[in-house]
Amino acid sequence: MEEYSKVLDRLQNQCSKREYCSSDIYKKAFTAFDGDRDLARQLVDSLVADRFVDDLRYASAFAREKARLSGWGTVKISYMLAGKGIPKDVVARALEEIDADEARRKMVSVLEAKYKTLQGDPQEKFKLLKFGLSRGYGYDEIAPVVDGIVKRSKIL
């Protein structure tokens, strides 16, 4: 059990410095315990019980950061969180914490910046739509913005 205490202390230290989801911590514990699933699960349960790991807290911070700083849409954020094994209800609650107005402004700014690199391309509108979709925005969200950007540039 000395090994368990050492791994627990190390992971508590890591968790106190930044957010981790339970699946990330499970992988670290699994590796530290040389593939012992039960011991890794026990350690994760302990960290969750002591609030060192909280999937909602992690998902909320992840969603806010990716929307604000990286300019990701909710579709991409939810896929990335689901890929980390975070339950759908937790992902939905985390997405609610994204400031919709700020996210829209970021989407417009990201699309406008991309459009500058595409001007003159015969497929600029298609490529801009594709880019917006790859950033995780919904078609209904980006189509009117792309139309506005393209029309505005044609007028100028």
Protein backbone atom coordinates (compact mmCIF):
# COMPACT_ATOMS: atom_id res chain seq x y z
CA MET A 1 0.00 0.00 0.00
CA GLU A 2 3.04 2.28 0.12
CA GLU A 3 2.99 2.38 -3.68
CA TYR A 4 -0.71 3.35 -3.59
CA SER A 5 0.03 6.23 -1.22
CA LYS A 6 2.86 7.51 -3.40
CA VAL A 7 0.74 7.44 -6.55
CA LEU A 8 -2.19 9.02 -4.69
CA ASP A 9 0.02 11.85 -3.40
CA ARG A 10 1.52 12.45 -6.85
CA LEU A 11 -1.88 12.55 -8.54
CA GLN A 12 -3.37 14.77 -5.83
CA ASN A 13 -0.50 17.16 -6.44
CA GLN A 14 -1.12 17.13 -10.20
CA CYS A 15 -4.86 17.63 -9.72
CA SER A 16 -4.29 20.60 -7.43
CA LYS A 17 -2.32 22.35 -10.19
CA ARG A 18 -4.79 21.91 -13.07
CA GLU A 19 -8.08 20.25 -13.95
CA TYR A 20 -8.20 16.63 -15.08
CA CYS A 21 -11.17 14.48 -15.99
CA SER A 22 -11.59 11.07 -14.41
CA SER A 23 -10.59 9.23 -17.60
CA ASP A 24 -7.26 11.10 -17.79
CA ILE A 25 -6.53 10.32 -14.14
CA TYR A 26 -7.57 6.70 -14.65
CA LYS A 27 -5.02 6.37 -17.47
CA LYS A 28 -2.29 7.84 -15.26
CA ALA A 29 -3.20 5.54 -12.37
CA PHE A 30 -3.50 2.51 -14.64
CA THR A 31 0.01 3.16 -15.96
CA ALA A 32 1.42 3.81 -12.48
CA PHE A 33 -0.04 0.54 -11.18
CA ASP A 34 1.24 -1.49 -14.14
CA GLY A 35 -2.20 -2.25 -15.53
CA ASP A 36 -4.03 -3.02 -12.28
CA ARG A 37 -7.55 -1.86 -13.18
CA ASP A 38 -9.05 -2.33 -9.72
CA LEU A 39 -6.35 -0.31 -7.99
CA ALA A 40 -6.56 2.42 -10.65
CA ARG A 41 -10.38 2.60 -10.31
CA GLN A 42 -10.07 2.70 -6.51
CA LEU A 43 -7.62 5.60 -6.74
CA VAL A 44 -9.85 7.54 -9.15
CA ASP A 45 -12.85 6.98 -6.88
CA SER A 46 -10.81 8.35 -3.97
CA LEU A 47 -9.79 11.45 -5.93
CA VAL A 48 -13.39 12.05 -7.02
CA ALA A 49 -14.67 11.62 -3.45
CA ASP A 50 -12.10 14.13 -2.19
CA ARG A 51 -13.05 16.54 -5.04
CA PHE A 52 -9.60 16.53 -6.63
CA VAL A 53 -11.32 15.31 -9.79
CA ASP A 54 -14.71 16.56 -10.91
CA ASP A 55 -15.85 15.86 -14.48
CA LEU A 56 -18.37 18.72 -14.49
CA ARG A 57 -15.76 21.20 -13.29
CA TYR A 58 -13.30 19.91 -15.91
CA ALA A 59 -15.89 19.94 -18.72
CA SER A 60 -17.05 23.46 -17.84
CA ALA A 61 -13.51 24.84 -17.82
CA PHE A 62 -12.70 23.00 -21.06
CA ALA A 63 -15.85 24.31 -22.78
CA ARG A 64 -15.30 27.92 -21.69
CA GLU A 65 -11.64 27.85 -22.70
CA LYS A 66 -12.17 26.26 -26.12
CA ALA A 67 -15.09 28.57 -26.96
CA ARG A 68 -13.36 31.74 -25.79
CA LEU A 69 -9.72 31.18 -26.71
CA SER A 70 -9.70 28.60 -29.49
CA GLY A 71 -12.90 29.67 -31.21
CA TRP A 72 -14.46 26.21 -31.16
CA GLY A 73 -18.18 25.65 -31.57
CA THR A 74 -20.34 23.55 -29.29
CA VAL A 75 -20.37 20.59 -31.68
CA LYS A 76 -16.60 20.17 -31.58
CA ILE A 77 -16.44 20.80 -27.84
CA SER A 78 -19.09 18.17 -27.12
CA TYR A 79 -17.34 15.60 -29.35
CA MET A 80 -14.02 16.22 -27.62
CA LEU A 81 -15.57 15.88 -24.16
CA ALA A 82 -17.44 12.74 -25.19
CA GLY A 83 -14.13 11.36 -26.42
CA LYS A 84 -12.82 11.79 -22.89
CA GLY A 85 -15.64 9.62 -21.58
CA ILE A 86 -17.63 12.44 -20.02
CA PRO A 87 -21.37 11.63 -19.85
CA LYS A 88 -23.78 13.50 -22.15
CA ASP A 89 -25.67 15.14 -19.29
CA VAL A 90 -22.42 16.54 -17.87
CA VAL A 91 -21.40 17.80 -21.33
CA ALA A 92 -24.79 19.48 -21.76
CA ARG A 93 -24.43 21.24 -18.40
CA ALA A 94 -20.90 22.36 -19.28
CA LEU A 95 -22.03 23.78 -22.63
CA GLU A 96 -24.62 25.89 -20.82
CA GLU A 97 -21.78 27.79 -19.17
CA ILE A 98 -20.51 29.17 -22.47
CA ASP A 99 -21.41 32.83 -22.91
CA ALA A 100 -23.49 32.74 -26.11
CA ASP A 101 -22.83 36.37 -27.10
CA GLU A 102 -19.09 36.04 -26.58
CA ALA A 103 -19.05 32.73 -28.49
CA ARG A 104 -20.90 34.33 -31.42
CA ARG A 105 -18.46 37.25 -31.51
CA LYS A 106 -15.56 34.80 -31.50
CA MET A 107 -17.15 32.77 -34.31
CA VAL A 108 -17.60 35.89 -36.44
CA SER A 109 -14.03 37.00 -35.78
CA VAL A 110 -12.61 33.55 -36.64
CA LEU A 111 -14.65 33.39 -39.86
CA GLU A 112 -13.67 36.93 -40.88
CA ALA A 113 -9.99 36.16 -40.31
CA LYS A 114 -10.25 33.00 -42.38
CA TYR A 115 -12.11 34.84 -45.14
CA LYS A 116 -9.18 37.23 -45.56
CA THR A 117 -7.01 34.26 -46.53
CA LEU A 118 -9.61 33.02 -49.03
CA GLN A 119 -10.49 36.22 -50.89
CA GLY A 120 -10.33 35.79 -54.62
CA ASP A 121 -10.71 32.01 -54.41
CA PRO A 122 -13.60 30.88 -56.63
CA GLN A 123 -14.76 28.56 -53.84
CA GLU A 124 -14.32 31.05 -51.00
CA LYS A 125 -17.86 30.72 -49.68
CA PHE A 126 -17.78 26.90 -49.75
CA LYS A 127 -14.37 26.82 -48.09
CA LEU A 128 -15.45 29.30 -45.43
CA LEU A 129 -18.53 27.19 -44.64
CA LYS A 130 -16.37 24.06 -44.49
CA PHE A 131 -13.92 25.83 -42.18
CA GLY A 132 -16.73 26.94 -39.85
CA LEU A 133 -18.10 23.40 -39.72
CA SER A 134 -14.63 22.02 -38.96
CA ARG A 135 -14.43 24.45 -36.03
CA GLY A 136 -17.54 22.83 -34.57
CA TYR A 137 -20.21 25.36 -35.42
CA GLY A 138 -23.58 24.27 -36.74
CA TYR A 139 -24.51 25.02 -40.33
CA ASP A 140 -27.54 27.07 -39.28
CA GLU A 141 -25.24 29.11 -37.07
CA ILE A 142 -22.56 29.90 -39.65
CA ALA A 143 -24.47 30.13 -42.94
CA PRO A 144 -25.96 33.60 -42.30
CA VAL A 145 -22.63 34.89 -40.98
CA VAL A 146 -20.75 33.57 -44.02
CA ASP A 147 -23.36 35.11 -46.34
CA GLY A 148 -22.92 38.45 -44.58
CA ILE A 149 -19.13 38.34 -44.76
CA VAL A 150 -19.10 37.43 -48.46
CA LYS A 151 -21.75 40.03 -49.40
CA ARG A 152 -20.01 42.74 -47.39
CA SER A 153 -16.70 42.08 -49.14
CA LYS A 154 -18.35 42.19 -52.59
CA ILE A 155 -19.82 45.63 -51.80
CA LEU A 156 -16.47 47.03 -50.68
